[in-house]
Amino acid sequence: MKQRLTALDATRGLAVVAMVFDHVLLWGHANGHHGAFDAVSRLFNFFRMPVLMLVSGYLAHALLSRSMARTLDRCVHFAWIYMIWLVPLLLVSPFGNDLSLPNYVDNLSRPMTSLWFLWVLGLFTLSVPFTALVPRWIVLAAAASLGVVSFVGLLPLNTYSFQNAAIYALMFYAGLSWRPEIERALTADLSWSLLAKLAAAAVVATVAAQMLRLASGHDGLGGAQRLAICLAALYAIRVMVDRLPGLARLAWLGRNTLPVYGLHLPLMMIVRDPVARMAGPLTPVACTVVLIAGSLLLHRAARQAKLAWLFERPVWLTMAGDRVLGGIAFSRPFAGRVALSGAGGGRVRDRLHRHQAALDRDDTRRRALWQVRTGRRPAAVADPHPATTLAQFGVHDHDRADHPARRVVEARIALDRIIAIPASAD
């Protein structure tokens, strides 16, 4: 588990560095004068935002086994961060926006700043519980088709944030659907043959996409190319983390991406001219280092000054959300107003909790949660309530409402809250 998290966080940390570097070249008074740096930035364009979406989808996989209220709670978190950081980006940003109420309201529904990533991520997160209703190959095919249609220009999306949502949907839902396979690949022994296959797939996808661009003038295979590059880069970074222990320090940055994401552009507008005068030809590198270090230092100072609400929801909003979402009468998609009882209810319940074998084969936590929610006994499990597995997580009261009355024990470890859960038959 530690190895998996290190590889993922290191990948995300490297992607954030590439994002800041590209923004410095665009708006940091460093563009047009550094040919080598421009070439490096163009190379990372196929990696930085796609891999951030891939990792976000990977992390959102846990919501498949959570209640719908928990998904809405996560979306509230994204909305709060977006609305807070929209103010400084409209006030001090290179986008030419102005801080006015009409412009602020317009950006709530049509993002026109670098915060488009949070907006799109909240939109994708809201759709996560509904993806369990259909096979994952349909989800991936729909996401890939959406990207192709957008690349070809058949969708009238005049806002780049909407275009990015269509383009990067494939990366997010690939991370969401392929998490078990990605996790096994990142935690198993190193496989040079797998690295070679992923690298070959990335090369083939890049060549095919380039040929299509030259022949048709559009980037219809751009989504497949970016996904292949992301998967190859993710495994390559896992190999480098194992071979070069110092590279694991990027994992710390990968766990603290939000301050850099929100602060680097306003901070760049302040320091770009002084850094450009002092650094000269090395302005892109120097400004990138200053922005990342400055963002992290400001984040630490804000937390010590009790301004943590700039980077996370305040306590009062969390409590209000718990009261509102706690009253929602459903823990599954579409089950809020539907009485799941009788034979028809059982079929609906099974439909809503149908997890594919590829997702559950080696996942004892989700398999046990599936047992608790459905009351069914998979052939691979001898006890429908394995105490050693159930002790790893908590269960909502409504998740066990259809279970017969049994003696209960208190679970001291819970993901959502601490409540009583059914005791083992033993």
Protein backbone atom coordinates (compact mmCIF):
# COMPACT_ATOMS: atom_id res chain seq x y z
CA MET A 1 0.00 0.00 0.00
CA LYS A 2 2.82 2.40 0.83
CA GLN A 3 4.47 1.66 -2.49
CA ARG A 4 1.24 2.29 -4.38
CA LEU A 5 0.60 5.60 -2.65
CA THR A 6 4.18 6.71 -3.17
CA ALA A 7 4.03 6.03 -6.90
CA LEU A 8 0.69 7.78 -7.28
CA ASP A 9 1.65 10.80 -5.22
CA ALA A 10 5.02 11.12 -6.95
CA THR A 11 3.26 11.06 -10.31
CA ARG A 12 0.83 13.72 -9.19
CA GLY A 13 3.65 15.82 -7.76
CA LEU A 14 5.56 15.70 -11.05
CA ALA A 15 2.38 16.64 -12.95
CA VAL A 16 1.85 19.69 -10.71
CA VAL A 17 5.45 20.81 -11.29
CA ALA A 18 4.87 20.50 -15.05
CA MET A 19 1.63 22.51 -14.74
CA VAL A 20 3.34 25.38 -12.91
CA PHE A 21 6.23 25.30 -15.37
CA ASP A 22 3.84 25.59 -18.32
CA HIS A 23 1.95 28.48 -16.72
CA VAL A 24 5.25 30.28 -16.13
CA LEU A 25 6.09 29.96 -19.81
CA LEU A 26 2.65 31.27 -20.77
CA TRP A 27 2.22 34.17 -18.35
CA GLY A 28 5.45 34.57 -16.44
CA HIS A 29 7.28 36.82 -18.91
CA ALA A 30 9.33 33.80 -19.94
CA ASN A 31 7.71 32.68 -23.18
CA GLY A 32 9.24 33.04 -26.61
CA HIS A 33 12.82 33.27 -25.37
CA HIS A 34 13.57 29.74 -24.20
CA GLY A 35 13.30 27.24 -27.06
CA ALA A 36 14.45 24.24 -25.04
CA PHE A 37 12.05 25.01 -22.20
CA ASP A 38 9.19 25.43 -24.67
CA ALA A 39 9.95 22.00 -26.14
CA VAL A 40 9.92 20.41 -22.67
CA SER A 41 6.61 22.08 -21.88
CA ARG A 42 5.04 20.81 -25.11
CA LEU A 43 6.24 17.30 -24.25
CA PHE A 44 4.56 17.47 -20.85
CA ASN A 45 1.29 18.76 -22.35
CA PHE A 46 0.35 15.15 -23.11
CA PHE A 47 1.03 14.14 -19.52
CA ARG A 48 0.35 16.77 -16.86
CA MET A 49 -3.42 17.36 -16.91
CA PRO A 50 -4.35 13.89 -18.24
CA VAL A 51 -2.45 12.15 -15.44
CA LEU A 52 -4.02 14.43 -12.83
CA MET A 53 -7.42 13.35 -14.12
CA LEU A 54 -6.37 9.70 -14.15
CA VAL A 55 -5.21 9.83 -10.52
CA SER A 56 -8.38 11.73 -9.53
CA GLY A 57 -10.51 8.99 -11.04
CA TYR A 58 -8.42 6.36 -9.27
CA LEU A 59 -9.02 8.05 -5.91
CA ALA A 60 -12.74 8.51 -6.65
CA HIS A 61 -13.13 4.73 -6.96
CA ALA A 62 -13.79 4.51 -3.21
CA LEU A 63 -17.10 6.34 -3.75
CA LEU A 64 -18.46 3.32 -5.61
CA SER A 65 -18.90 1.56 -2.26
CA ARG A 66 -20.06 4.65 -0.36
CA SER A 67 -23.46 6.22 0.00
CA MET A 68 -24.78 8.84 -2.38
CA ALA A 69 -24.75 11.32 0.49
CA ARG A 70 -21.01 10.81 0.80
CA THR A 71 -20.59 11.61 -2.89
CA LEU A 72 -22.61 14.80 -2.51
CA ASP A 73 -20.48 15.71 0.49
CA ARG A 74 -17.37 15.40 -1.66
CA CYS A 75 -18.92 17.62 -4.33
CA VAL A 76 -19.67 20.26 -1.68
CA HIS A 77 -15.97 20.24 -0.79
CA PHE A 78 -14.99 20.94 -4.41
CA ALA A 79 -17.63 23.65 -4.71
CA TRP A 80 -16.39 25.45 -1.58
CA ILE A 81 -12.76 25.45 -2.71
CA TYR A 82 -13.78 26.63 -6.18
CA MET A 83 -15.89 29.54 -4.92
CA ILE A 84 -13.23 30.67 -2.44
CA TRP A 85 -10.32 30.69 -4.88
CA LEU A 86 -12.32 32.16 -7.72
CA VAL A 87 -12.13 35.55 -5.98
CA PRO A 88 -8.31 36.00 -6.05
CA LEU A 89 -8.09 34.56 -9.57
CA LEU A 90 -10.56 37.15 -10.83
CA LEU A 91 -8.82 39.89 -8.86
CA VAL A 92 -5.19 39.08 -9.72
CA SER A 93 -4.82 36.75 -12.68
CA PRO A 94 -3.43 36.73 -16.22
CA PHE A 95 -6.82 35.94 -17.75
CA GLY A 96 -7.99 39.52 -18.16
CA ASN A 97 -11.04 38.97 -15.96
CA ASP A 98 -12.47 41.49 -13.56
CA LEU A 99 -13.81 40.90 -10.07
CA SER A 100 -17.47 41.76 -10.47
CA LEU A 101 -20.61 40.02 -9.38
CA PRO A 102 -21.84 39.23 -12.94
CA ASN A 103 -18.43 37.82 -13.89
CA TYR A 104 -18.23 35.80 -10.67
CA VAL A 105 -21.70 34.31 -11.23
CA ASP A 106 -20.87 33.58 -14.86
CA ASN A 107 -17.76 31.64 -13.78
CA LEU A 108 -19.83 29.49 -11.45
CA SER A 109 -21.53 27.84 -14.42
CA ARG A 110 -18.94 28.52 -17.12
CA PRO A 111 -15.39 28.42 -15.71
CA MET A 112 -12.96 30.69 -17.51
CA THR A 113 -9.98 30.47 -15.16
CA SER A 114 -7.44 27.81 -14.23
CA LEU A 115 -9.93 26.53 -11.64
CA TRP A 116 -11.75 24.69 -14.40
CA PHE A 117 -10.07 21.51 -13.11
CA LEU A 118 -11.93 21.67 -9.77
CA TRP A 119 -15.21 22.44 -11.53
CA VAL A 120 -14.85 19.49 -13.91
CA LEU A 121 -13.67 17.21 -11.11
CA GLY A 122 -16.79 18.01 -9.09
CA LEU A 123 -18.94 17.24 -12.13
CA PHE A 124 -17.23 13.90 -12.70
CA THR A 125 -17.42 13.03 -9.00
CA LEU A 126 -21.17 13.57 -9.02
CA SER A 127 -21.49 10.94 -11.75
CA VAL A 128 -19.42 8.28 -9.97
CA PRO A 129 -22.27 6.39 -8.19
CA PHE A 130 -24.22 6.13 -11.44
CA THR A 131 -21.36 4.43 -13.26
CA ALA A 132 -21.98 1.31 -11.14
CA LEU A 133 -25.29 0.84 -12.96
CA VAL A 134 -23.67 -0.17 -16.25
CA PRO A 135 -20.65 -2.28 -17.21
CA ARG A 136 -17.43 -0.37 -17.14
CA TRP A 137 -16.68 -0.96 -20.82
CA ILE A 138 -19.79 1.07 -21.65
CA VAL A 139 -18.58 3.90 -19.40
CA LEU A 140 -15.16 3.90 -21.05
CA ALA A 141 -16.63 3.69 -24.56
CA ALA A 142 -18.93 6.63 -23.85
CA ALA A 143 -16.07 8.70 -22.40
CA ALA A 144 -13.82 7.88 -25.37
CA SER A 145 -16.58 8.75 -27.83
CA LEU A 146 -17.18 12.06 -26.08
CA GLY A 147 -13.50 12.92 -26.45
CA VAL A 148 -13.42 11.96 -30.14
CA VAL A 149 -16.52 14.03 -30.92
CA SER A 150 -15.00 17.00 -29.09
CA PHE A 151 -11.63 16.68 -30.85
CA VAL A 152 -13.30 16.44 -34.24
CA GLY A 153 -15.30 19.58 -33.51
CA LEU A 154 -18.81 18.15 -33.67
CA LEU A 155 -19.74 19.47 -30.22
CA PRO A 156 -20.56 23.21 -30.06
CA LEU A 157 -18.45 23.76 -26.93
CA ASN A 158 -17.21 27.34 -27.06
CA THR A 159 -15.83 27.34 -23.50
CA TYR A 160 -12.48 25.68 -23.01
CA SER A 161 -13.51 24.27 -19.62
CA PHE A 162 -16.35 22.35 -21.29
CA GLN A 163 -13.94 21.20 -23.99
CA ASN A 164 -11.49 19.99 -21.37
CA ALA A 165 -14.28 18.09 -19.62
CA ALA A 166 -15.03 16.22 -22.85
CA ILE A 167 -11.35 15.60 -23.61
CA TYR A 168 -10.28 14.40 -20.15
CA ALA A 169 -13.37 12.31 -19.36
CA LEU A 170 -11.62 9.22 -20.71
CA MET A 171 -8.71 9.66 -18.30
CA PHE A 172 -10.94 10.14 -15.25
CA TYR A 173 -13.20 7.17 -15.94
CA ALA A 174 -10.24 4.97 -16.90
CA GLY A 175 -8.72 5.63 -13.48
CA LEU A 176 -12.11 5.00 -11.88
CA SER A 177 -12.77 1.73 -13.73
CA TRP A 178 -9.26 0.31 -13.82
CA ARG A 179 -8.24 0.99 -10.23
CA PRO A 180 -7.95 -2.72 -9.29
CA GLU A 181 -5.72 -3.42 -12.28
CA ILE A 182 -3.64 -0.28 -11.72
CA GLU A 183 -3.25 -1.07 -8.03
CA ARG A 184 -2.12 -4.62 -8.73
CA ALA A 185 0.40 -3.39 -11.29
CA LEU A 186 1.83 -0.80 -8.90
CA THR A 187 2.07 -3.13 -5.91
CA ALA A 188 3.30 -6.30 -7.62
CA ASP A 189 6.93 -7.06 -8.35
CA LEU A 190 8.56 -4.96 -11.04
CA SER A 191 7.81 -6.22 -14.54
CA TRP A 192 10.09 -4.96 -17.28
CA SER A 193 7.91 -6.67 -19.86
CA LEU A 194 4.88 -4.70 -18.64
CA LEU A 195 6.87 -1.47 -18.84
CA ALA A 196 7.93 -2.35 -22.38
CA LYS A 197 4.34 -3.12 -23.40
CA LEU A 198 3.03 0.14 -21.95
CA ALA A 199 5.81 2.11 -23.61
CA ALA A 200 5.12 0.38 -26.93
CA ALA A 201 1.41 1.13 -26.62
CA ALA A 202 2.20 4.80 -25.96
CA VAL A 203 4.48 4.95 -29.02
CA VAL A 204 1.91 3.25 -31.26
CA ALA A 205 -0.89 5.53 -30.04
CA THR A 206 1.28 8.62 -30.57
CA VAL A 207 2.25 7.59 -34.12
CA ALA A 208 -1.36 6.74 -35.02
CA ALA A 209 -2.64 10.02 -33.58
CA GLN A 210 -0.01 12.02 -35.46
CA MET A 211 -0.82 10.26 -38.73
CA LEU A 212 -4.51 11.01 -38.26
CA ARG A 213 -3.70 14.68 -37.54
CA LEU A 214 -1.72 14.96 -40.76
CA ALA A 215 -4.35 13.12 -42.83
CA SER A 216 -7.55 14.67 -41.49
CA GLY A 217 -6.49 17.83 -39.66
CA HIS A 218 -8.12 16.84 -36.37
CA ASP A 219 -6.96 15.00 -33.27
CA GLY A 220 -9.51 12.20 -33.14
CA LEU A 221 -7.10 9.81 -31.37
CA GLY A 222 -5.86 12.43 -28.93
CA GLY A 223 -7.70 10.83 -26.01
CA ALA A 224 -6.29 7.36 -26.65
CA GLN A 225 -2.80 8.84 -27.07
CA ARG A 226 -2.97 10.74 -23.78
CA LEU A 227 -4.33 7.73 -21.89
CA ALA A 228 -1.57 5.45 -23.20
CA ILE A 229 1.08 8.02 -22.26
CA CYS A 230 -0.41 8.41 -18.77
CA LEU A 231 -0.40 4.68 -18.07
CA ALA A 232 3.15 4.28 -19.35
CA ALA A 233 4.35 7.30 -17.37
CA LEU A 234 2.64 6.10 -14.18
CA TYR A 235 4.38 2.73 -14.31
CA ALA A 236 7.70 4.29 -15.35
CA ILE A 237 7.58 6.60 -12.34
CA ARG A 238 6.83 3.58 -10.13
CA VAL A 239 10.01 1.95 -11.49
CA MET A 240 12.03 5.12 -10.94
CA VAL A 241 10.73 5.50 -7.39
CA ASP A 242 11.95 1.98 -6.64
CA ARG A 243 15.33 2.55 -8.26
CA LEU A 244 15.86 6.15 -7.13
CA PRO A 245 14.66 6.57 -3.52
CA GLY A 246 15.23 10.34 -3.65
CA LEU A 247 12.46 10.63 -6.25
CA ALA A 248 9.95 9.59 -3.60
CA ARG A 249 10.19 13.12 -2.20
CA LEU A 250 7.85 14.13 -5.00
CA ALA A 251 5.20 12.13 -3.15
CA TRP A 252 5.07 14.79 -0.42
CA LEU A 253 4.36 17.44 -3.05
CA GLY A 254 1.74 15.16 -4.58
CA ARG A 255 -0.09 15.10 -1.25
CA ASN A 256 -0.08 18.90 -1.08
CA THR A 257 -1.16 19.92 -4.56
CA LEU A 258 -4.15 22.08 -3.61
CA PRO A 259 -2.15 25.06 -2.23
CA VAL A 260 0.08 25.08 -5.31
CA TYR A 261 -2.90 24.79 -7.61
CA GLY A 262 -4.79 27.66 -6.02
CA LEU A 263 -1.96 30.04 -5.15
CA HIS A 264 0.62 29.83 -7.91
CA LEU A 265 -1.12 32.09 -10.45
CA PRO A 266 -1.90 35.05 -8.14
CA LEU A 267 1.59 34.72 -6.68
CA MET A 268 3.12 34.65 -10.16
CA MET A 269 1.55 38.00 -11.02
CA ILE A 270 3.47 39.48 -8.06
CA VAL A 271 6.91 37.87 -8.43
CA ARG A 272 7.29 37.31 -12.17
CA ASP A 273 9.00 40.63 -12.95
CA PRO A 274 11.54 40.55 -10.08
CA VAL A 275 12.39 36.90 -10.79
CA ALA A 276 12.79 37.60 -14.52
CA ARG A 277 15.25 40.42 -13.79
CA MET A 278 17.35 38.33 -11.40
CA ALA A 279 17.27 34.89 -13.08
CA GLY A 280 17.74 35.89 -16.70
CA PRO A 281 17.86 32.80 -18.98
CA LEU A 282 16.87 30.53 -16.10
CA THR A 283 13.68 32.47 -15.39
CA PRO A 284 11.29 29.54 -16.11
CA VAL A 285 13.07 27.20 -13.69
CA ALA A 286 13.62 29.84 -11.01
CA CYS A 287 10.06 31.12 -11.17
CA THR A 288 8.67 27.57 -10.95
CA VAL A 289 10.70 26.88 -7.81
CA VAL A 290 9.69 30.21 -6.24
CA LEU A 291 5.99 29.67 -6.97
CA ILE A 292 5.88 26.13 -5.58
CA ALA A 293 7.88 27.00 -2.47
CA GLY A 294 5.95 30.24 -1.93
CA SER A 295 2.58 28.52 -2.29
CA LEU A 296 3.50 25.87 0.27
CA LEU A 297 4.85 28.47 2.71
CA LEU A 298 1.71 30.60 2.39
CA HIS A 299 -0.39 27.50 2.98
CA ARG A 300 1.51 26.73 6.16
CA ALA A 301 1.22 30.34 7.36
CA ALA A 302 -2.52 30.34 6.65
CA ARG A 303 -3.04 27.22 8.73
CA GLN A 304 -1.11 28.71 11.64
CA ALA A 305 -3.15 31.91 11.33
CA LYS A 306 -6.37 29.84 11.57
CA LEU A 307 -7.19 30.44 7.92
CA ALA A 308 -7.44 26.76 7.06
CA TRP A 309 -10.92 27.42 5.64
CA LEU A 310 -9.16 28.75 2.55
CA PHE A 311 -8.10 25.20 1.70
CA GLU A 312 -10.86 23.10 3.27
CA ARG A 313 -14.45 23.49 4.32
CA PRO A 314 -14.98 25.27 7.63
CA VAL A 315 -16.43 23.34 10.53
CA TRP A 316 -19.81 25.08 10.34
CA LEU A 317 -20.26 24.08 6.69
CA THR A 318 -19.25 20.51 7.43
CA MET A 319 -21.77 20.30 10.28
CA ALA A 320 -24.51 21.84 8.13
CA GLY A 321 -23.75 19.39 5.35
CA ASP A 322 -23.89 16.47 7.76
CA ARG A 323 -27.32 17.58 8.98
CA VAL A 324 -28.68 18.05 5.46
CA LEU A 325 -27.15 14.96 3.92
CA GLY A 326 -27.92 12.90 7.02
CA GLY A 327 -31.60 13.39 6.32
CA ILE A 328 -31.35 12.01 2.82
CA ALA A 329 -33.19 8.70 2.74
CA PHE A 330 -31.02 6.93 0.22
CA SER A 331 -27.60 5.37 0.22
CA ARG A 332 -27.66 4.24 -3.38
CA PRO A 333 -28.28 5.97 -6.72
CA PHE A 334 -31.99 6.48 -7.51
CA ALA A 335 -33.04 4.77 -4.26
CA GLY A 336 -34.11 7.91 -2.43
CA ARG A 337 -37.85 7.67 -3.05
CA VAL A 338 -38.11 4.04 -4.10
CA ALA A 339 -39.16 1.39 -1.61
CA LEU A 340 -36.77 -1.51 -2.17
CA SER A 341 -38.93 -4.34 -0.92
CA GLY A 342 -40.37 -7.52 -2.35
CA ALA A 343 -39.15 -9.35 -5.42
CA GLY A 344 -38.99 -6.22 -7.58
CA GLY A 345 -37.12 -4.36 -4.86
CA GLY A 346 -34.64 -7.21 -4.60
CA ARG A 347 -33.95 -7.03 -8.32
CA VAL A 348 -33.46 -3.27 -8.10
CA ARG A 349 -31.19 -3.70 -5.09
CA ASP A 350 -29.11 -6.29 -6.92
CA ARG A 351 -28.96 -4.02 -9.95
CA LEU A 352 -27.76 -1.06 -7.91
CA HIS A 353 -25.15 -3.17 -6.12
CA ARG A 354 -23.95 -5.21 -9.07
CA HIS A 355 -20.16 -4.98 -9.05
CA GLN A 356 -18.15 -6.56 -11.80
CA ALA A 357 -15.97 -9.54 -11.01
CA ALA A 358 -12.88 -7.68 -12.16
CA LEU A 359 -13.51 -5.04 -9.54
CA ASP A 360 -14.14 -7.39 -6.61
CA ARG A 361 -12.01 -10.43 -7.25
CA ASP A 362 -9.16 -9.40 -4.95
CA ASP A 363 -10.87 -6.65 -2.95
CA THR A 364 -11.96 -8.15 0.38
CA ARG A 365 -13.12 -4.78 1.75
CA ARG A 366 -15.62 -4.14 -1.04
CA ARG A 367 -16.67 -7.79 -1.11
CA ALA A 368 -17.51 -7.67 2.59
CA LEU A 369 -19.35 -4.37 2.16
CA TRP A 370 -21.33 -5.93 -0.69
CA GLN A 371 -22.30 -8.76 1.65
CA VAL A 372 -23.46 -6.39 4.37
CA ARG A 373 -25.58 -4.35 1.98
CA THR A 374 -27.16 -7.22 0.03
CA GLY A 375 -27.21 -10.03 2.56
CA ARG A 376 -25.97 -12.43 -0.11
CA ARG A 377 -23.18 -14.95 0.33
CA PRO A 378 -20.63 -15.19 -2.51
CA ALA A 379 -19.27 -18.68 -3.04
CA ALA A 380 -15.74 -17.47 -2.32
CA VAL A 381 -16.59 -16.42 1.25
CA ALA A 382 -17.54 -18.94 3.93
CA ASP A 383 -19.01 -16.49 6.45
CA PRO A 384 -21.43 -13.78 5.25
CA HIS A 385 -20.26 -11.58 8.16
CA PRO A 386 -16.49 -12.16 8.50
CA ALA A 387 -15.61 -10.39 11.73
CA THR A 388 -11.98 -9.77 10.78
CA THR A 389 -13.06 -7.95 7.62
CA LEU A 390 -16.08 -6.12 9.01
CA ALA A 391 -13.93 -4.64 11.77
CA GLN A 392 -12.07 -2.64 9.15
CA PHE A 393 -14.92 -0.28 8.40
CA GLY A 394 -18.20 1.05 9.77
CA VAL A 395 -21.67 0.48 8.38
CA HIS A 396 -24.56 2.93 8.26
CA ASP A 397 -27.74 1.98 10.10
CA HIS A 398 -29.73 1.99 6.87
CA ASP A 399 -27.16 -0.30 5.23
CA ARG A 400 -28.07 -3.08 7.67
CA ALA A 401 -31.77 -2.26 8.00
CA ASP A 402 -32.78 -5.40 6.10
CA HIS A 403 -30.80 -7.74 8.37
CA PRO A 404 -32.51 -9.86 11.04
CA ALA A 405 -32.07 -8.81 14.67
CA ARG A 406 -28.81 -10.16 16.06
CA ARG A 407 -26.47 -9.46 18.91
CA VAL A 408 -24.22 -6.55 18.00
CA VAL A 409 -20.74 -5.38 18.89
CA GLU A 410 -19.37 -1.86 18.83
CA ALA A 411 -16.91 -1.18 15.99
CA ARG A 412 -14.24 1.28 17.04
CA ILE A 413 -12.96 1.85 13.51
CA ALA A 414 -15.20 3.44 10.90
CA LEU A 415 -14.94 5.31 7.66
CA ASP A 416 -18.20 7.23 8.03
CA ARG A 417 -19.16 7.02 11.69
CA ILE A 418 -18.96 4.62 14.64
CA ILE A 419 -22.09 2.52 15.08
CA ALA A 420 -23.04 -0.98 16.10
CA ILE A 421 -22.63 -3.68 13.47
CA PRO A 422 -23.86 -7.30 13.45
CA ALA A 423 -21.66 -9.66 15.37
CA SER A 424 -20.17 -12.71 13.77
CA ALA A 425 -22.19 -15.94 13.95
CA ASP A 426 -19.31 -17.46 15.89
